[in-house]
Every structure is written in C-alpha cells, then in structure tokens.
C-alpha atoms as a PDB file:
ATOM      1  CA  MET A   1    -117.577 156.962   5.683  1.00  0.00           C
ATOM      2  CA  ASP A   2    -120.915 158.539   6.353  1.00  0.00           C
ATOM      3  CA  THR A   3    -122.748 157.055   9.142  1.00  0.00           C
ATOM      4  CA  PRO A   4    -126.535 156.418   8.615  1.00  0.00           C
ATOM      5  CA  LYS A   5    -129.105 158.847   9.920  1.00  0.00           C
ATOM      6  CA  LEU A   6    -131.625 157.352  12.193  1.00  0.00           C
ATOM      7  CA  LEU A   7    -135.128 158.176  12.003  1.00  0.00           C
ATOM      8  CA  ASP A   8    -136.470 160.588  14.568  1.00  0.00           C
ATOM      9  CA  ASN A   9    -139.195 158.627  16.886  1.00  0.00           C
ATOM     10  CA  PRO A  10    -140.713 161.194  18.992  1.00  0.00           C
ATOM     11  CA  PRO A  11    -143.116 160.016  21.878  1.00  0.00           C
ATOM     12  CA  VAL A  12    -146.661 159.786  20.968  1.00  0.00           C
ATOM     13  CA  PRO A  13    -149.288 161.211  23.488  1.00  0.00           C
ATOM     14  CA  VAL A  14    -151.123 158.759  25.146  1.00  0.00           C
ATOM     15  CA  GLN A  15    -154.304 160.631  23.656  1.00  0.00           C
ATOM     16  CA  ALA A  16    -153.483 160.349  20.083  1.00  0.00           C
ATOM     17  CA  LYS A  17    -152.523 156.723  20.667  1.00  0.00           C
ATOM     18  CA  LEU A  18    -155.949 156.047  22.293  1.00  0.00           C
ATOM     19  CA  ALA A  19    -157.709 158.296  19.477  1.00  0.00           C
ATOM     20  CA  ALA A  20    -155.920 156.192  16.643  1.00  0.00           C
ATOM     21  CA  ALA A  21    -156.812 152.919  18.313  1.00  0.00           C
ATOM     22  CA  TRP A  22    -160.672 153.950  18.378  1.00  0.00           C
ATOM     23  CA  THR A  23    -160.388 155.218  14.986  1.00  0.00           C
ATOM     24  CA  THR A  24    -158.704 151.809  13.787  1.00  0.00           C
ATOM     25  CA  LEU A  25    -161.773 149.957  15.854  1.00  0.00           C
ATOM     26  CA  MET A  26    -164.171 151.888  14.094  1.00  0.00           C
ATOM     27  CA  PHE A  27    -162.922 151.516  10.511  1.00  0.00           C
ATOM     28  CA  PHE A  28    -162.491 147.662  10.970  1.00  0.00           C
ATOM     29  CA  VAL A  29    -166.103 147.106  12.806  1.00  0.00           C
ATOM     30  CA  ILE A  30    -167.429 149.083   9.695  1.00  0.00           C
ATOM     31  CA  TYR A  31    -165.679 146.875   7.316  1.00  0.00           C
ATOM     32  CA  ILE A  32    -166.344 143.768   8.920  1.00  0.00           C
ATOM     33  CA  ASP A  33    -170.182 144.534   8.988  1.00  0.00           C
ATOM     34  CA  TYR A  34    -169.761 145.376   5.118  1.00  0.00           C
ATOM     35  CA  PHE A  35    -168.023 141.968   4.499  1.00  0.00           C
ATOM     36  CA  HIS A  36    -170.820 140.203   6.367  1.00  0.00           C
ATOM     37  CA  LEU A  37    -173.183 141.245   3.663  1.00  0.00           C
ATOM     38  CA  TYR A  38    -171.290 139.017   1.318  1.00  0.00           C
ATOM     39  CA  LYS A  39    -172.260 136.120   3.185  1.00  0.00           C
ATOM     40  CA  PRO A  40    -174.814 134.174   1.265  1.00  0.00           C
ATOM     41  CA  GLY A  41    -178.266 135.067   2.331  1.00  0.00           C
ATOM     42  CA  ALA A  42    -177.297 137.981   4.470  1.00  0.00           C
ATOM     43  CA  ILE A  43    -178.925 140.624   2.382  1.00  0.00           C
ATOM     44  CA  ASP A  44    -182.100 138.338   1.821  1.00  0.00           C
ATOM     45  CA  GLN A  45    -182.627 138.102   5.549  1.00  0.00           C
ATOM     46  CA  ILE A  46    -182.077 141.781   5.959  1.00  0.00           C
ATOM     47  CA  ARG A  47    -184.807 142.226   3.132  1.00  0.00           C
ATOM     48  CA  GLY A  48    -186.849 139.652   5.036  1.00  0.00           C
ATOM     49  CA  GLY A  49    -186.799 142.061   7.799  1.00  0.00           C
ATOM     50  CA  GLU A  50    -184.283 140.452  10.260  1.00  0.00           C
ATOM     51  CA  ILE A  51    -180.714 140.679  11.424  1.00  0.00           C
ATOM     52  CA  TYR A  52    -179.653 137.513  13.213  1.00  0.00           C
ATOM     53  CA  VAL A  53    -182.928 136.514  15.273  1.00  0.00           C
ATOM     54  CA  PHE A  54    -183.816 140.316  15.663  1.00  0.00           C
ATOM     55  CA  ASP A  55    -186.688 141.786  13.783  1.00  0.00           C
ATOM     56  CA  ILE A  56    -185.270 145.118  12.073  1.00  0.00           C
ATOM     57  CA  SER A  57    -187.173 147.945  14.180  1.00  0.00           C
ATOM     58  CA  GLY A  58    -186.753 151.418  15.191  1.00  0.00           C
ATOM     59  CA  PRO A  59    -185.507 150.439  18.536  1.00  0.00           C
ATOM     60  CA  LEU A  60    -183.057 147.932  17.017  1.00  0.00           C
ATOM     61  CA  LEU A  61    -181.673 150.517  14.590  1.00  0.00           C
ATOM     62  CA  THR A  62    -181.389 152.794  17.652  1.00  0.00           C
ATOM     63  CA  LEU A  63    -179.546 150.253  19.741  1.00  0.00           C
ATOM     64  CA  PHE A  64    -177.101 149.864  16.654  1.00  0.00           C
ATOM     65  CA  VAL A  65    -176.366 153.594  16.605  1.00  0.00           C
ATOM     66  CA  VAL A  66    -175.715 153.535  20.374  1.00  0.00           C
ATOM     67  CA  VAL A  67    -173.452 150.687  19.903  1.00  0.00           C
ATOM     68  CA  ILE A  68    -171.413 152.134  17.115  1.00  0.00           C
ATOM     69  CA  GLY A  69    -171.791 155.822  18.592  1.00  0.00           C
ATOM     70  CA  ILE A  70    -170.028 155.174  21.625  1.00  0.00           C
ATOM     71  CA  PRO A  71    -166.827 154.104  19.855  1.00  0.00           C
ATOM     72  CA  ALA A  72    -167.185 157.051  17.394  1.00  0.00           C
ATOM     73  CA  LEU A  73    -167.377 159.569  20.270  1.00  0.00           C
ATOM     74  CA  MET A  74    -164.428 158.012  22.124  1.00  0.00           C
ATOM     75  CA  ILE A  75    -162.190 159.068  19.259  1.00  0.00           C
ATOM     76  CA  LEU A  76    -163.044 162.626  20.458  1.00  0.00           C
ATOM     77  CA  PHE A  77    -163.146 161.942  24.054  1.00  0.00           C
ATOM     78  CA  SER A  78    -159.745 160.512  24.016  1.00  0.00           C
ATOM     79  CA  MET A  79    -158.256 163.780  22.796  1.00  0.00           C
ATOM     80  CA  THR A  80    -160.513 166.081  24.819  1.00  0.00           C
ATOM     81  CA  LEU A  81    -161.135 164.729  28.090  1.00  0.00           C
ATOM     82  CA  PRO A  82    -158.887 165.647  31.147  1.00  0.00           C
ATOM     83  CA  ALA A  83    -156.297 163.047  31.760  1.00  0.00           C
ATOM     84  CA  PRO A  84    -157.993 161.423  34.674  1.00  0.00           C
ATOM     85  CA  VAL A  85    -161.774 161.103  33.185  1.00  0.00           C
ATOM     86  CA  ASN A  86    -160.004 160.275  29.995  1.00  0.00           C
ATOM     87  CA  ARG A  87    -158.345 157.398  31.638  1.00  0.00           C
ATOM     88  CA  ALA A  88    -161.174 156.064  33.556  1.00  0.00           C
ATOM     89  CA  THR A  89    -163.541 156.328  30.418  1.00  0.00           C
ATOM     90  CA  ASN A  90    -161.383 154.689  28.135  1.00  0.00           C
ATOM     91  CA  LEU A  91    -161.028 151.669  30.713  1.00  0.00           C
ATOM     92  CA  LEU A  92    -164.627 151.495  31.199  1.00  0.00           C
ATOM     93  CA  VAL A  93    -165.776 151.593  27.747  1.00  0.00           C
ATOM     94  CA  ALA A  94    -163.063 149.173  26.253  1.00  0.00           C
ATOM     95  CA  SER A  95    -163.813 146.821  29.047  1.00  0.00           C
ATOM     96  CA  LEU A  96    -167.684 147.000  28.099  1.00  0.00           C
ATOM     97  CA  TYR A  97    -167.218 146.613  24.586  1.00  0.00           C
ATOM     98  CA  ILE A  98    -165.124 143.523  24.807  1.00  0.00           C
ATOM     99  CA  PRO A  99    -168.189 141.360  25.227  1.00  0.00           C
ATOM    100  CA  VAL A 100    -170.272 143.197  22.656  1.00  0.00           C
ATOM    101  CA  MET A 101    -167.501 142.355  20.042  1.00  0.00           C
ATOM    102  CA  VAL A 102    -167.540 138.688  21.072  1.00  0.00           C
ATOM    103  CA  PHE A 103    -171.293 138.540  20.847  1.00  0.00           C
ATOM    104  CA  ASN A 104    -170.652 138.706  16.948  1.00  0.00           C
ATOM    105  CA  ALA A 105    -169.692 135.115  17.102  1.00  0.00           C
ATOM    106  CA  ALA A 106    -173.369 134.095  18.008  1.00  0.00           C
ATOM    107  CA  SER A 107    -174.511 134.665  14.734  1.00  0.00           C
ATOM    108  CA  THR A 108    -172.047 132.133  12.959  1.00  0.00           C
ATOM    109  CA  ASP A 109    -171.830 128.644  12.076  1.00  0.00           C
ATOM    110  CA  TRP A 110    -168.622 126.352  11.612  1.00  0.00           C
ATOM    111  CA  GLU A 111    -168.073 127.323   7.895  1.00  0.00           C
ATOM    112  CA  TRP A 112    -167.628 131.190   9.014  1.00  0.00           C
ATOM    113  CA  ALA A 113    -165.749 130.607  12.221  1.00  0.00           C
ATOM    114  CA  SER A 114    -162.497 131.484  10.885  1.00  0.00           C
ATOM    115  CA  PHE A 115    -163.990 134.985   9.467  1.00  0.00           C
ATOM    116  CA  TYR A 116    -165.500 135.765  12.996  1.00  0.00           C
ATOM    117  CA  ALA A 117    -162.231 134.377  14.826  1.00  0.00           C
ATOM    118  CA  LEU A 118    -160.155 136.600  13.191  1.00  0.00           C
ATOM    119  CA  SER A 119    -162.222 139.712  12.958  1.00  0.00           C
ATOM    120  CA  ILE A 120    -163.254 139.366  16.521  1.00  0.00           C
ATOM    121  CA  GLY A 121    -159.724 138.631  17.452  1.00  0.00           C
ATOM    122  CA  ILE A 122    -158.547 141.904  16.123  1.00  0.00           C
ATOM    123  CA  GLU A 123    -161.261 143.801  17.675  1.00  0.00           C
ATOM    124  CA  VAL A 124    -160.488 142.477  20.857  1.00  0.00           C
ATOM    125  CA  LEU A 125    -156.769 143.085  20.571  1.00  0.00           C
ATOM    126  CA  LEU A 126    -157.399 146.489  19.772  1.00  0.00           C
ATOM    127  CA  LEU A 127    -159.564 146.835  22.845  1.00  0.00           C
ATOM    128  CA  ALA A 128    -156.792 145.323  24.801  1.00  0.00           C
ATOM    129  CA  PHE A 129    -154.370 147.980  23.310  1.00  0.00           C
ATOM    130  CA  ILE A 130    -156.812 150.588  24.630  1.00  0.00           C
ATOM    131  CA  LEU A 131    -156.929 149.121  28.055  1.00  0.00           C
ATOM    132  CA  ARG A 132    -153.167 148.949  28.554  1.00  0.00           C
ATOM    133  CA  SER A 133    -152.756 152.372  26.975  1.00  0.00           C
ATOM    134  CA  ALA A 134    -155.328 153.789  29.322  1.00  0.00           C
ATOM    135  CA  TRP A 135    -154.121 151.726  32.495  1.00  0.00           C
ATOM    136  CA  THR A 136    -150.403 152.330  32.037  1.00  0.00           C
ATOM    137  CA  TRP A 137    -150.932 155.983  31.426  1.00  0.00           C
ATOM    138  CA  THR A 138    -148.033 157.700  32.918  1.00  0.00           C
ATOM    139  CA  ARG A 139    -148.779 159.914  36.124  1.00  0.00           C
ATOM    140  CA  THR A 140    -146.122 162.947  36.079  1.00  0.00           C
ATOM    141  CA  PRO A 141    -146.174 165.158  39.282  1.00  0.00           C
ATOM    142  CA  ALA A 142    -147.626 168.666  39.001  1.00  0.00           C
ATOM    143  CA  ILE A 143    -144.925 171.311  38.221  1.00  0.00           C
ATOM    144  CA  PRO A 144    -145.241 174.238  40.487  1.00  0.00           C
ATOM    145  CA  THR A 145    -145.601 177.655  38.697  1.00  0.00           C
ATOM    146  CA  GLY A 146    -143.694 179.566  41.140  1.00  0.00           C
ATOM    147  CA  PRO A 147    -141.776 179.509  44.224  1.00  0.00           C
ATOM    148  CA  ALA A 148    -143.256 177.751  47.229  1.00  0.00           C
ATOM    149  CA  PRO A 149    -144.914 179.721  49.990  1.00  0.00           C
ATOM    150  CA  ASP A 150    -143.542 180.243  53.286  1.00  0.00           C
ATOM    151  CA  PRO A 151    -144.724 177.264  55.439  1.00  0.00           C
ATOM    152  CA  GLU A 152    -145.311 179.496  58.645  1.00  0.00           C
ATOM    153  CA  THR A 153    -147.510 181.916  56.694  1.00  0.00           C
ATOM    154  CA  ASN A 154    -148.518 180.175  53.787  1.00  0.00           C
ATOM    155  CA  GLN A 155    -147.957 183.035  51.478  1.00  0.00           C
ATOM    156  CA  ARG A 156    -145.133 184.178  49.143  1.00  0.00           C
ATOM    157  CA  SER A 157    -142.725 186.742  50.210  1.00  0.00           C
ATOM    158  CA  ARG A 158    -142.863 190.132  48.537  1.00  0.00           C
ATOM    159  CA  ASP A 159    -139.276 189.461  47.398  1.00  0.00           C
ATOM    160  CA  THR A 160    -140.298 186.098  45.829  1.00  0.00           C
ATOM    161  CA  TRP A 161    -142.976 188.062  43.565  1.00  0.00           C
ATOM    162  CA  THR A 162    -140.678 190.629  42.598  1.00  0.00           C
ATOM    163  CA  ASN A 163    -138.036 188.300  41.572  1.00  0.00           C
ATOM    164  CA  THR A 164    -140.408 186.280  39.656  1.00  0.00           C
ATOM    165  CA  LEU A 165    -141.675 188.951  37.505  1.00  0.00           C
END
C-alpha cells in the first residue's frame, strides 16, 4: 500500500509575508474604492467637485497619493530594508493606518453599514496580521564567521588563520 505524499511546506520569510500582506491590502483598498463608485450618487458627488465633505483640489488629491503611496512603498520596503528597520517601519506604519482605514466609516449611513463594516474589518485584520508578523519577527543570534579571538590579545592566532583558509 502506498502512503500518501505530504505537500512540502517550507517556511516563508517574514519579509515575504509582510510584502504579501501590504500587496493584499493595496488591492483590497483599490477595489473597495472602486466598489464605492457603485453607491448611488457617488459619481454625481465627484462630478460636483466633492468627495465626502471635502472639495476636490490639488491638496486633497496629493493627500490621497500620500495615503495610498505609503502602503505601496511598504511592499518594497518589506522586502529590502534591513530587519531592525523593517520591523520598526512595519509596526509604525501599520499602527498609523488602522485609524486611516476606520475613517472610511465616517462617510456612511446605516444602509451601507454592512459594506463598510466588512471592508474596514478586513483592512484592519490585514493590518493586524502585519503588526503580529512584525512584532513576532524571530531574532536569531549572529553566527560568527570564524574562530573567536584570543580573549587576552583580542587577536586571532596565526594557526587559526591558516586552519580557516
């Protein structure tokens, strides 16, 4: 009788998990903004020059670029920053973005409460995943690259160098 083969499940680096979570959040935010356009009167309000209670202007659109640009950059930063900076940056940005995502509820009424509750809930869960992944990032001790130096002279012996070559 053949035994079933198990699927290989190699560990995923924390940087990849963080980048995947930021990417997921970005796609989700973009689609939620798109779905918002189906709300009756949304496009007419935009054509009238307003978004929520704000006049559409250069500074408002600049703010939107910043609000969406930071998570977009976090995808890159999660894969490229050194681990200590990466961890701190992810903790800081994800913490700051929870209130940003919750602010979307300000523009709703009870008829749309389920849409906003579900979308904001998913966004907050993604940010919580980012916070947890960054917070629990495993710290591994540095691996020495060669023999330890002599404690008295703080230098490696000549024999040690020849043995390592």
